[in-house]
Amino acid sequence: MKRSYLAILALVAAPLAVSAGEITPTQVSFSDGSVEASLTGVPGDPAMGREIVGNKSLGNCVACHEVTDLADVPFHGEIGPMLDGAGDRWTEAELRGIVANAKMMFEDSLMPSFYKTEGFIRPGNAYTGKAADDTFGPLLNAQQIEDVVAYLVTLKD
């Protein structure tokens, strides 16, 4: 019986331990637009990052950026810089800062802040046309940010 309780406790506590090291959007520390510390303490997965960058329901980065590696995804945008060579142009910390909140590095950027929950003028509740409620969160979670950064670091010239 005691082992059953310990097993249940381990199952319940494991997700809490992972999230305990996560940096929330309001705790992110920017230095000249860069974010040195991982948001999760867990390495990003470049394959998942590639999926997020090309997925129009997640990061949708291809709406504004062209990425040769994602040539199979139609309709790349030309508003933002081409992401080919991003791993050579920016450090991991700079990429993390840009993805989390590009306006911290590039004040006039049109890029959305993917890891921000405060400081908006009129946030909405997804695509409902209604005001934000208590479920309002960042566009991407902390691990998704780390995954995107891990993928962008692989994009070398």
N, C-alpha and C. Protein backbone atom coordinates (compact mmCIF):
# COMPACT_ATOMS: atom_id res chain seq x y z
N MET A 1 0.82 -1.18 0.00
CA MET A 1 0.00 0.00 0.00
C MET A 1 0.87 1.26 0.00
N LYS A 2 1.93 1.22 0.81
CA LYS A 2 2.83 2.36 0.91
C LYS A 2 3.49 2.63 -0.45
N ARG A 3 3.84 1.58 -1.18
CA ARG A 3 4.45 1.73 -2.50
C ARG A 3 3.48 2.37 -3.48
N SER A 4 2.19 2.05 -3.35
CA SER A 4 1.17 2.64 -4.23
C SER A 4 1.13 4.15 -4.04
N TYR A 5 1.16 4.58 -2.79
CA TYR A 5 1.14 6.01 -2.50
C TYR A 5 2.39 6.70 -3.05
N LEU A 6 3.52 6.04 -2.89
CA LEU A 6 4.76 6.61 -3.41
C LEU A 6 4.73 6.69 -4.93
N ALA A 7 4.20 5.69 -5.59
CA ALA A 7 4.10 5.70 -7.04
C ALA A 7 3.19 6.82 -7.51
N ILE A 8 2.05 6.98 -6.84
CA ILE A 8 1.12 8.05 -7.20
C ILE A 8 1.76 9.41 -6.95
N LEU A 9 2.43 9.57 -5.83
CA LEU A 9 3.12 10.81 -5.51
C LEU A 9 4.16 11.14 -6.57
N ALA A 10 4.91 10.15 -7.02
CA ALA A 10 5.93 10.36 -8.05
C ALA A 10 5.29 10.81 -9.36
N LEU A 11 4.16 10.22 -9.72
CA LEU A 11 3.48 10.61 -10.95
C LEU A 11 2.95 12.04 -10.88
N VAL A 12 2.45 12.42 -9.72
CA VAL A 12 1.92 13.77 -9.55
C VAL A 12 3.04 14.79 -9.46
N ALA A 13 4.11 14.47 -8.78
CA ALA A 13 5.20 15.43 -8.55
C ALA A 13 6.09 15.63 -9.76
N ALA A 14 6.21 14.64 -10.63
CA ALA A 14 7.12 14.75 -11.78
C ALA A 14 6.82 15.95 -12.66
N PRO A 15 5.58 16.18 -13.10
CA PRO A 15 5.32 17.36 -13.92
C PRO A 15 5.57 18.66 -13.17
N LEU A 16 5.31 18.66 -11.87
CA LEU A 16 5.54 19.86 -11.08
C LEU A 16 7.02 20.19 -11.00
N ALA A 17 7.86 19.18 -10.91
CA ALA A 17 9.30 19.40 -10.84
C ALA A 17 9.82 20.00 -12.14
N VAL A 18 9.28 19.55 -13.25
CA VAL A 18 9.71 20.09 -14.55
C VAL A 18 9.28 21.54 -14.66
N SER A 19 8.04 21.86 -14.29
CA SER A 19 7.55 23.22 -14.44
C SER A 19 8.15 24.16 -13.40
N ALA A 20 8.68 23.62 -12.31
CA ALA A 20 9.25 24.47 -11.26
C ALA A 20 10.45 25.25 -11.77
N GLY A 21 11.21 24.69 -12.73
CA GLY A 21 12.37 25.38 -13.26
C GLY A 21 12.05 26.28 -14.43
N GLU A 22 10.80 26.32 -14.85
CA GLU A 22 10.41 27.13 -16.00
C GLU A 22 10.35 28.60 -15.64
N ILE A 23 10.87 29.43 -16.52
CA ILE A 23 10.81 30.87 -16.34
C ILE A 23 9.52 31.36 -16.99
N THR A 24 8.69 32.05 -16.23
CA THR A 24 7.42 32.55 -16.76
C THR A 24 7.68 33.78 -17.64
N PRO A 25 6.73 34.15 -18.48
CA PRO A 25 6.92 35.33 -19.34
C PRO A 25 7.28 36.60 -18.58
N THR A 26 6.73 36.78 -17.39
CA THR A 26 7.02 37.99 -16.62
C THR A 26 8.37 37.94 -15.91
N GLN A 27 9.01 36.76 -15.87
CA GLN A 27 10.31 36.61 -15.20
C GLN A 27 11.48 36.63 -16.18
N VAL A 28 11.22 36.70 -17.49
CA VAL A 28 12.29 36.65 -18.48
C VAL A 28 13.20 37.87 -18.31
N SER A 29 14.50 37.62 -18.26
CA SER A 29 15.48 38.69 -18.10
C SER A 29 16.19 38.93 -19.43
N PHE A 30 15.96 40.11 -20.00
CA PHE A 30 16.57 40.50 -21.27
C PHE A 30 17.81 41.34 -21.01
N SER A 31 18.84 41.12 -21.80
CA SER A 31 20.06 41.93 -21.75
C SER A 31 20.39 42.33 -23.18
N ASP A 32 20.14 43.57 -23.53
CA ASP A 32 20.32 44.05 -24.91
C ASP A 32 19.53 43.18 -25.89
N GLY A 33 18.36 42.75 -25.49
CA GLY A 33 17.50 41.95 -26.35
C GLY A 33 17.74 40.46 -26.26
N SER A 34 18.85 40.05 -25.66
CA SER A 34 19.19 38.64 -25.53
C SER A 34 18.62 38.06 -24.24
N VAL A 35 18.38 36.74 -24.27
CA VAL A 35 17.97 36.02 -23.07
C VAL A 35 18.96 34.88 -22.90
N GLU A 36 19.87 35.04 -21.96
CA GLU A 36 20.94 34.06 -21.75
C GLU A 36 20.42 32.73 -21.20
N ALA A 37 19.54 32.80 -20.22
CA ALA A 37 19.08 31.60 -19.53
C ALA A 37 18.00 30.88 -20.32
N SER A 38 18.11 29.56 -20.36
CA SER A 38 17.05 28.75 -20.94
C SER A 38 15.75 29.02 -20.18
N LEU A 39 14.65 29.02 -20.89
CA LEU A 39 13.36 29.26 -20.24
C LEU A 39 12.86 28.03 -19.49
N THR A 40 13.46 26.87 -19.78
CA THR A 40 12.99 25.63 -19.17
C THR A 40 14.08 24.84 -18.45
N GLY A 41 15.33 25.07 -18.80
CA GLY A 41 16.41 24.24 -18.27
C GLY A 41 16.51 22.92 -19.01
N VAL A 42 15.68 22.74 -20.01
CA VAL A 42 15.65 21.52 -20.82
C VAL A 42 16.08 21.90 -22.23
N PRO A 43 17.02 21.16 -22.83
CA PRO A 43 17.44 21.50 -24.19
C PRO A 43 16.26 21.45 -25.17
N GLY A 44 16.27 22.36 -26.12
CA GLY A 44 15.24 22.37 -27.14
C GLY A 44 15.43 21.24 -28.13
N ASP A 45 14.36 20.86 -28.78
CA ASP A 45 14.36 19.80 -29.78
C ASP A 45 14.24 20.44 -31.16
N PRO A 46 15.33 20.43 -31.95
CA PRO A 46 15.29 21.08 -33.27
C PRO A 46 14.19 20.54 -34.18
N ALA A 47 13.88 19.26 -34.11
CA ALA A 47 12.82 18.69 -34.96
C ALA A 47 11.46 19.27 -34.58
N MET A 48 11.20 19.42 -33.29
CA MET A 48 9.96 20.05 -32.85
C MET A 48 9.95 21.53 -33.22
N GLY A 49 11.10 22.17 -33.10
CA GLY A 49 11.20 23.58 -33.48
C GLY A 49 10.90 23.79 -34.94
N ARG A 50 11.39 22.88 -35.78
CA ARG A 50 11.11 22.95 -37.23
C ARG A 50 9.61 22.86 -37.48
N GLU A 51 8.95 21.96 -36.75
CA GLU A 51 7.49 21.80 -36.87
C GLU A 51 6.77 23.09 -36.46
N ILE A 52 7.19 23.70 -35.38
CA ILE A 52 6.56 24.92 -34.88
C ILE A 52 6.75 26.07 -35.86
N VAL A 53 7.96 26.22 -36.39
CA VAL A 53 8.26 27.30 -37.34
C VAL A 53 7.39 27.18 -38.59
N GLY A 54 7.19 25.96 -39.06
CA GLY A 54 6.44 25.77 -40.29
C GLY A 54 4.96 25.54 -40.12
N ASN A 55 4.48 25.39 -38.89
CA ASN A 55 3.08 25.08 -38.65
C ASN A 55 2.27 26.36 -38.52
N LYS A 56 1.31 26.54 -39.39
CA LYS A 56 0.51 27.75 -39.40
C LYS A 56 -0.43 27.86 -38.19
N SER A 57 -0.57 26.80 -37.41
CA SER A 57 -1.39 26.84 -36.20
C SER A 57 -0.53 27.04 -34.95
N LEU A 58 0.77 27.02 -35.09
CA LEU A 58 1.66 27.21 -33.94
C LEU A 58 2.44 28.50 -34.10
N GLY A 59 3.73 28.39 -34.45
CA GLY A 59 4.55 29.59 -34.59
C GLY A 59 4.21 30.40 -35.83
N ASN A 60 3.91 29.70 -36.92
CA ASN A 60 3.58 30.33 -38.19
C ASN A 60 4.66 31.33 -38.63
N CYS A 61 5.90 31.03 -38.34
CA CYS A 61 7.01 31.91 -38.69
C CYS A 61 7.10 32.12 -40.21
N VAL A 62 6.69 31.11 -40.97
CA VAL A 62 6.77 31.21 -42.43
C VAL A 62 5.78 32.21 -43.00
N ALA A 63 4.87 32.72 -42.20
CA ALA A 63 3.97 33.76 -42.69
C ALA A 63 4.75 35.03 -43.01
N CYS A 64 5.86 35.23 -42.31
CA CYS A 64 6.66 36.44 -42.50
C CYS A 64 8.09 36.16 -42.96
N HIS A 65 8.58 34.94 -42.73
CA HIS A 65 9.97 34.59 -43.04
C HIS A 65 10.04 33.48 -44.08
N GLU A 66 11.07 33.54 -44.90
CA GLU A 66 11.35 32.45 -45.82
C GLU A 66 12.41 31.55 -45.19
N VAL A 67 12.24 30.24 -45.35
CA VAL A 67 13.18 29.26 -44.82
C VAL A 67 13.35 28.18 -45.88
N THR A 68 14.52 28.09 -46.48
CA THR A 68 14.75 27.10 -47.53
C THR A 68 14.50 25.68 -47.03
N ASP A 69 14.87 25.40 -45.79
CA ASP A 69 14.68 24.08 -45.21
C ASP A 69 13.20 23.67 -45.14
N LEU A 70 12.31 24.65 -45.20
CA LEU A 70 10.87 24.38 -45.14
C LEU A 70 10.20 24.65 -46.49
N ALA A 71 10.90 24.34 -47.55
CA ALA A 71 10.38 24.58 -48.89
C ALA A 71 9.07 23.84 -49.15
N ASP A 72 8.83 22.75 -48.40
CA ASP A 72 7.60 21.98 -48.58
C ASP A 72 6.38 22.69 -47.99
N VAL A 73 6.59 23.73 -47.18
CA VAL A 73 5.49 24.51 -46.61
C VAL A 73 5.21 25.66 -47.57
N PRO A 74 3.98 25.77 -48.08
CA PRO A 74 3.69 26.82 -49.07
C PRO A 74 3.55 28.22 -48.46
N PHE A 75 3.69 29.20 -49.31
CA PHE A 75 3.41 30.60 -49.00
C PHE A 75 4.29 31.20 -47.91
N HIS A 76 5.58 31.24 -48.17
CA HIS A 76 6.50 31.90 -47.24
C HIS A 76 6.37 33.41 -47.41
N GLY A 77 6.51 34.12 -46.31
CA GLY A 77 6.42 35.58 -46.34
C GLY A 77 7.75 36.23 -46.61
N GLU A 78 7.68 37.51 -46.87
CA GLU A 78 8.89 38.30 -47.14
C GLU A 78 8.96 39.55 -46.28
N ILE A 79 8.18 39.58 -45.20
CA ILE A 79 8.18 40.75 -44.31
C ILE A 79 9.43 40.76 -43.44
N GLY A 80 9.75 39.60 -42.86
CA GLY A 80 10.91 39.47 -41.99
C GLY A 80 12.10 38.96 -42.77
N PRO A 81 13.27 38.97 -42.15
CA PRO A 81 14.47 38.48 -42.84
C PRO A 81 14.39 36.98 -43.11
N MET A 82 15.08 36.54 -44.14
CA MET A 82 15.18 35.12 -44.44
C MET A 82 15.86 34.45 -43.25
N LEU A 83 15.38 33.29 -42.86
CA LEU A 83 15.94 32.61 -41.69
C LEU A 83 17.12 31.71 -42.02
N ASP A 84 17.40 31.50 -43.30
CA ASP A 84 18.60 30.75 -43.66
C ASP A 84 19.81 31.49 -43.07
N GLY A 85 20.66 30.78 -42.37
CA GLY A 85 21.85 31.40 -41.77
C GLY A 85 21.58 32.07 -40.43
N ALA A 86 20.37 31.91 -39.88
CA ALA A 86 20.05 32.54 -38.58
C ALA A 86 21.02 32.08 -37.49
N GLY A 87 21.45 30.83 -37.55
CA GLY A 87 22.39 30.30 -36.56
C GLY A 87 23.77 30.90 -36.66
N ASP A 88 24.09 31.50 -37.80
CA ASP A 88 25.36 32.20 -37.96
C ASP A 88 25.24 33.68 -37.61
N ARG A 89 24.07 34.26 -37.86
CA ARG A 89 23.88 35.70 -37.64
C ARG A 89 23.66 36.06 -36.18
N TRP A 90 23.00 35.17 -35.44
CA TRP A 90 22.66 35.45 -34.05
C TRP A 90 23.09 34.31 -33.14
N THR A 91 23.41 34.64 -31.91
CA THR A 91 23.74 33.62 -30.92
C THR A 91 22.45 32.96 -30.43
N GLU A 92 22.60 31.88 -29.70
CA GLU A 92 21.43 31.20 -29.12
C GLU A 92 20.66 32.16 -28.20
N ALA A 93 21.38 32.94 -27.39
CA ALA A 93 20.74 33.88 -26.47
C ALA A 93 20.00 34.97 -27.23
N GLU A 94 20.59 35.46 -28.32
CA GLU A 94 19.92 36.47 -29.13
C GLU A 94 18.67 35.90 -29.79
N LEU A 95 18.77 34.68 -30.31
CA LEU A 95 17.61 34.04 -30.93
C LEU A 95 16.49 33.83 -29.91
N ARG A 96 16.86 33.42 -28.70
CA ARG A 96 15.86 33.22 -27.65
C ARG A 96 15.15 34.55 -27.35
N GLY A 97 15.91 35.63 -27.27
CA GLY A 97 15.32 36.94 -27.02
C GLY A 97 14.43 37.40 -28.16
N ILE A 98 14.87 37.17 -29.39
CA ILE A 98 14.09 37.58 -30.55
C ILE A 98 12.78 36.82 -30.61
N VAL A 99 12.81 35.51 -30.40
CA VAL A 99 11.58 34.72 -30.46
C VAL A 99 10.66 35.06 -29.29
N ALA A 100 11.21 35.24 -28.11
CA ALA A 100 10.39 35.55 -26.94
C ALA A 100 9.71 36.90 -27.09
N ASN A 101 10.47 37.92 -27.47
CA ASN A 101 9.93 39.28 -27.62
C ASN A 101 10.89 40.10 -28.47
N ALA A 102 10.69 40.07 -29.77
CA ALA A 102 11.60 40.72 -30.72
C ALA A 102 11.73 42.22 -30.47
N LYS A 103 10.72 42.82 -29.90
CA LYS A 103 10.74 44.27 -29.68
C LYS A 103 11.79 44.68 -28.64
N MET A 104 12.27 43.74 -27.86
CA MET A 104 13.32 44.05 -26.90
C MET A 104 14.65 44.29 -27.60
N MET A 105 14.83 43.69 -28.79
CA MET A 105 16.06 43.88 -29.56
C MET A 105 15.83 44.85 -30.73
N PHE A 106 14.68 44.72 -31.36
CA PHE A 106 14.35 45.54 -32.52
C PHE A 106 13.05 46.29 -32.22
N GLU A 107 13.18 47.49 -31.69
CA GLU A 107 12.04 48.24 -31.18
C GLU A 107 10.88 48.37 -32.17
N ASP A 108 11.17 48.55 -33.44
CA ASP A 108 10.13 48.76 -34.44
C ASP A 108 9.70 47.47 -35.15
N SER A 109 10.09 46.33 -34.62
CA SER A 109 9.77 45.05 -35.24
C SER A 109 8.26 44.83 -35.30
N LEU A 110 7.82 44.22 -36.39
CA LEU A 110 6.42 43.82 -36.53
C LEU A 110 6.19 42.40 -36.01
N MET A 111 7.26 41.73 -35.64
CA MET A 111 7.17 40.35 -35.18
C MET A 111 6.40 40.27 -33.87
N PRO A 112 5.47 39.31 -33.77
CA PRO A 112 4.74 39.17 -32.51
C PRO A 112 5.66 38.71 -31.38
N SER A 113 5.29 39.06 -30.18
CA SER A 113 6.02 38.60 -28.99
C SER A 113 5.45 37.24 -28.62
N PHE A 114 6.22 36.20 -28.85
CA PHE A 114 5.72 34.84 -28.66
C PHE A 114 5.70 34.39 -27.20
N TYR A 115 6.42 35.11 -26.32
CA TYR A 115 6.45 34.71 -24.91
C TYR A 115 6.25 35.96 -24.04
N LYS A 116 5.06 36.49 -24.13
CA LYS A 116 4.72 37.72 -23.41
C LYS A 116 3.26 37.63 -23.00
N THR A 117 2.94 38.13 -21.81
CA THR A 117 1.56 38.10 -21.33
C THR A 117 1.09 39.43 -20.78
N GLU A 118 1.97 40.43 -20.75
CA GLU A 118 1.62 41.74 -20.20
C GLU A 118 2.07 42.85 -21.13
N GLY A 119 1.48 44.03 -20.94
CA GLY A 119 1.91 45.19 -21.69
C GLY A 119 1.23 45.36 -23.03
N PHE A 120 0.19 44.58 -23.28
CA PHE A 120 -0.56 44.72 -24.51
C PHE A 120 -1.59 45.83 -24.35
N ILE A 121 -1.95 46.48 -25.43
CA ILE A 121 -2.95 47.54 -25.36
C ILE A 121 -4.35 46.95 -25.30
N ARG A 122 -4.66 46.04 -26.21
CA ARG A 122 -5.99 45.43 -26.25
C ARG A 122 -5.88 43.97 -26.65
N PRO A 123 -5.46 43.11 -25.72
CA PRO A 123 -5.36 41.69 -26.09
C PRO A 123 -6.73 41.07 -26.27
N GLY A 124 -6.81 40.14 -27.19
CA GLY A 124 -8.06 39.43 -27.42
C GLY A 124 -7.96 37.99 -26.95
N ASN A 125 -9.07 37.31 -26.93
CA ASN A 125 -9.13 35.91 -26.55
C ASN A 125 -9.07 35.08 -27.83
N ALA A 126 -7.86 34.73 -28.22
CA ALA A 126 -7.61 33.96 -29.44
C ALA A 126 -8.28 34.67 -30.62
N TYR A 127 -9.09 33.97 -31.36
CA TYR A 127 -9.74 34.56 -32.54
C TYR A 127 -11.24 34.68 -32.34
N THR A 128 -11.66 34.91 -31.09
CA THR A 128 -13.09 34.94 -30.78
C THR A 128 -13.69 36.33 -30.93
N GLY A 129 -12.88 37.36 -31.00
CA GLY A 129 -13.39 38.73 -31.04
C GLY A 129 -13.75 39.25 -29.67
N LYS A 130 -13.46 38.47 -28.62
CA LYS A 130 -13.77 38.87 -27.25
C LYS A 130 -12.48 39.27 -26.54
N ALA A 131 -12.63 40.03 -25.46
CA ALA A 131 -11.49 40.46 -24.66
C ALA A 131 -10.83 39.26 -23.99
N ALA A 132 -9.57 39.40 -23.67
CA ALA A 132 -8.83 38.34 -22.98
C ALA A 132 -9.46 38.05 -21.63
N ASP A 133 -9.39 36.79 -21.22
CA ASP A 133 -9.89 36.40 -19.91
C ASP A 133 -8.76 35.77 -19.12
N ASP A 134 -9.07 35.03 -18.09
CA ASP A 134 -8.02 34.47 -17.24
C ASP A 134 -7.25 33.33 -17.91
N THR A 135 -7.62 32.92 -19.11
CA THR A 135 -6.88 31.89 -19.83
C THR A 135 -5.82 32.49 -20.76
N PHE A 136 -5.68 33.82 -20.75
CA PHE A 136 -4.73 34.50 -21.63
C PHE A 136 -3.31 34.06 -21.31
N GLY A 137 -2.61 33.58 -22.30
CA GLY A 137 -1.23 33.13 -22.11
C GLY A 137 -0.38 33.50 -23.31
N PRO A 138 0.88 33.14 -23.29
CA PRO A 138 1.76 33.46 -24.41
C PRO A 138 1.38 32.66 -25.65
N LEU A 139 1.82 33.12 -26.82
CA LEU A 139 1.54 32.42 -28.07
C LEU A 139 2.20 31.05 -28.10
N LEU A 140 3.42 30.96 -27.56
CA LEU A 140 4.13 29.69 -27.45
C LEU A 140 4.53 29.48 -25.99
N ASN A 141 4.56 28.23 -25.55
CA ASN A 141 5.01 27.99 -24.18
C ASN A 141 6.54 27.98 -24.15
N ALA A 142 7.10 27.91 -22.95
CA ALA A 142 8.55 28.01 -22.77
C ALA A 142 9.30 26.93 -23.53
N GLN A 143 8.82 25.69 -23.49
CA GLN A 143 9.53 24.62 -24.20
C GLN A 143 9.45 24.81 -25.71
N GLN A 144 8.32 25.31 -26.20
CA GLN A 144 8.22 25.59 -27.64
C GLN A 144 9.21 26.66 -28.06
N ILE A 145 9.41 27.67 -27.21
CA ILE A 145 10.42 28.70 -27.51
C ILE A 145 11.79 28.04 -27.60
N GLU A 146 12.12 27.19 -26.63
CA GLU A 146 13.42 26.50 -26.65
C GLU A 146 13.56 25.62 -27.88
N ASP A 147 12.48 24.96 -28.30
CA ASP A 147 12.52 24.12 -29.50
C ASP A 147 12.77 24.95 -30.75
N VAL A 148 12.11 26.09 -30.87
CA VAL A 148 12.31 26.98 -32.03
C VAL A 148 13.74 27.48 -32.05
N VAL A 149 14.26 27.88 -30.91
CA VAL A 149 15.64 28.36 -30.82
C VAL A 149 16.61 27.25 -31.23
N ALA A 150 16.38 26.03 -30.75
CA ALA A 150 17.24 24.90 -31.11
C ALA A 150 17.23 24.67 -32.62
N TYR A 151 16.08 24.85 -33.25
CA TYR A 151 16.01 24.69 -34.72
C TYR A 151 16.72 25.85 -35.41
N LEU A 152 16.47 27.07 -34.99
CA LEU A 152 17.08 28.23 -35.66
C LEU A 152 18.61 28.19 -35.57
N VAL A 153 19.14 27.68 -34.47
CA VAL A 153 20.60 27.56 -34.31
C VAL A 153 21.19 26.63 -35.37
N THR A 154 20.39 25.67 -35.84
CA THR A 154 20.90 24.72 -36.87
C THR A 154 20.93 25.34 -38.26
N LEU A 155 20.27 26.47 -38.46
CA LEU A 155 20.22 27.08 -39.79
C LEU A 155 21.49 27.89 -40.03
N LYS A 156 22.44 27.24 -40.68
CA LYS A 156 23.75 27.87 -40.94
C LYS A 156 23.87 28.14 -42.45
N ASP A 157 24.68 29.13 -42.78
CA ASP A 157 24.92 29.44 -44.21
C ASP A 157 25.73 28.37 -44.88
